[in-house]
Amino acid sequence: MNLNKQKALPFISILVVIVSLFVIVFIKMEVRKQGYMVYKLSKNLKKITDKNRLASMKLAKIIRPEKVRGVVLTQLDSQYAPYGQIIQMTEKGVALPTR
């Protein structure tokens, strides 16, 4: 019995080394895979951020005051309010417009 253990120990030690090397390779592959996933997600995040920034710029161009004023005057047949027609109420009282 003791003789069988002596013969089996070298094979067991080689088996342990081979299994540990396979485990190390598997872990490295998983780390590389996770790295690629992070890279892909960061590229998608950059695309979405750029798309959001472009949409914000388009919105800012559409609702800028000069554009809205032009649309109101040309398409809705409106006029400018004469001086003093618009009165703002504040906590302290009436705020008269200044020229």
Protein backbone atom coordinates (compact mmCIF):
# COMPACT_ATOMS: atom_id res chain seq x y z
CA MET A 1 0.00 0.00 0.00
CA ASN A 2 2.79 2.37 0.92
CA LEU A 3 4.58 1.46 -2.32
CA ASN A 4 1.50 2.44 -4.40
CA LYS A 5 1.42 5.85 -2.71
CA GLN A 6 5.09 6.39 -3.51
CA LYS A 7 4.48 5.60 -7.20
CA ALA A 8 1.37 7.80 -7.39
CA LEU A 9 2.86 10.95 -5.79
CA PRO A 10 4.78 12.15 -8.90
CA PHE A 11 1.66 11.76 -11.06
CA ILE A 12 -0.48 13.58 -8.53
CA SER A 13 2.00 16.45 -8.30
CA ILE A 14 2.14 16.75 -12.11
CA LEU A 15 -1.65 16.62 -12.22
CA VAL A 16 -1.85 19.44 -9.63
CA VAL A 17 0.59 21.57 -11.67
CA ILE A 18 -1.34 21.00 -14.91
CA VAL A 19 -4.70 21.78 -13.29
CA SER A 20 -3.31 24.94 -11.69
CA LEU A 21 -1.93 26.08 -15.08
CA PHE A 22 -5.32 25.48 -16.70
CA VAL A 23 -6.97 27.50 -13.93
CA ILE A 24 -4.51 30.37 -14.46
CA VAL A 25 -5.13 30.35 -18.22
CA PHE A 26 -8.89 30.29 -17.68
CA ILE A 27 -8.71 33.25 -15.29
CA LYS A 28 -6.56 35.23 -17.76
CA MET A 29 -9.05 34.53 -20.54
CA GLU A 30 -11.92 35.75 -18.35
CA VAL A 31 -10.01 38.92 -17.49
CA ARG A 32 -9.35 39.58 -21.18
CA LYS A 33 -13.02 38.94 -22.00
CA GLN A 34 -14.13 41.38 -19.30
CA GLY A 35 -11.66 43.94 -20.66
CA TYR A 36 -13.18 43.66 -24.13
CA MET A 37 -16.65 44.06 -22.68
CA VAL A 38 -15.60 47.20 -20.80
CA TYR A 39 -14.03 48.58 -23.99
CA LYS A 40 -17.21 47.88 -25.98
CA LEU A 41 -19.42 49.47 -23.32
CA SER A 42 -17.20 52.56 -23.13
CA LYS A 43 -17.44 52.98 -26.92
CA ASN A 44 -21.25 52.70 -26.70
CA LEU A 45 -21.29 55.21 -23.85
CA LYS A 46 -19.23 57.65 -25.93
CA LYS A 47 -21.61 57.26 -28.89
CA ILE A 48 -24.66 57.84 -26.70
CA THR A 49 -23.03 60.83 -25.01
CA ASP A 50 -22.18 62.37 -28.39
CA LYS A 51 -25.71 61.73 -29.64
CA ASN A 52 -27.13 63.37 -26.50
CA ARG A 53 -24.83 66.38 -26.91
CA LEU A 54 -25.85 66.76 -30.56
CA ALA A 55 -29.54 66.57 -29.64
CA SER A 56 -29.02 69.22 -26.93
CA MET A 57 -27.33 71.52 -29.44
CA LYS A 58 -30.18 71.03 -31.93
CA LEU A 59 -32.73 71.78 -29.21
CA ALA A 60 -30.84 74.91 -28.19
CA LYS A 61 -30.84 76.10 -31.82
CA ILE A 62 -34.57 75.43 -32.18
CA ILE A 63 -35.69 77.21 -29.01
CA ARG A 64 -33.30 80.16 -29.03
CA PRO A 65 -35.24 83.40 -28.45
CA GLU A 66 -34.56 84.95 -31.86
CA LYS A 67 -35.86 81.88 -33.67
CA VAL A 68 -39.00 81.67 -31.52
CA ARG A 69 -39.62 85.40 -31.94
CA GLY A 70 -39.24 85.06 -35.73
CA VAL A 71 -41.68 82.17 -35.90
CA VAL A 72 -44.22 83.99 -33.76
CA LEU A 73 -44.02 87.18 -35.80
CA THR A 74 -44.10 85.51 -39.23
CA GLN A 75 -46.31 82.47 -38.81
CA LEU A 76 -48.70 83.50 -36.02
CA ASP A 77 -49.38 87.12 -37.09
CA SER A 78 -48.29 88.53 -33.78
CA GLN A 79 -46.77 91.91 -33.00
CA TYR A 80 -44.28 93.19 -30.49
CA ALA A 81 -45.83 94.36 -27.25
CA PRO A 82 -45.63 98.15 -26.96
CA TYR A 83 -43.57 99.68 -24.19
CA GLY A 84 -45.32 99.43 -20.83
CA GLN A 85 -47.90 96.89 -21.91
CA ILE A 86 -46.25 94.03 -20.04
CA ILE A 87 -46.20 94.49 -16.28
CA GLN A 88 -44.25 92.21 -14.00
CA MET A 89 -45.43 91.67 -10.45
CA THR A 90 -42.72 91.04 -7.88
CA GLU A 91 -42.67 90.64 -4.11
CA LYS A 92 -41.81 94.33 -3.71
CA GLY A 93 -44.48 95.56 -6.07
CA VAL A 94 -44.77 96.34 -9.77
CA ALA A 95 -41.57 96.14 -11.83
CA LEU A 96 -41.79 98.54 -14.75
CA PRO A 97 -39.79 97.70 -17.86
CA THR A 98 -36.74 99.84 -18.58
CA ARG A 99 -35.48 100.84 -21.94
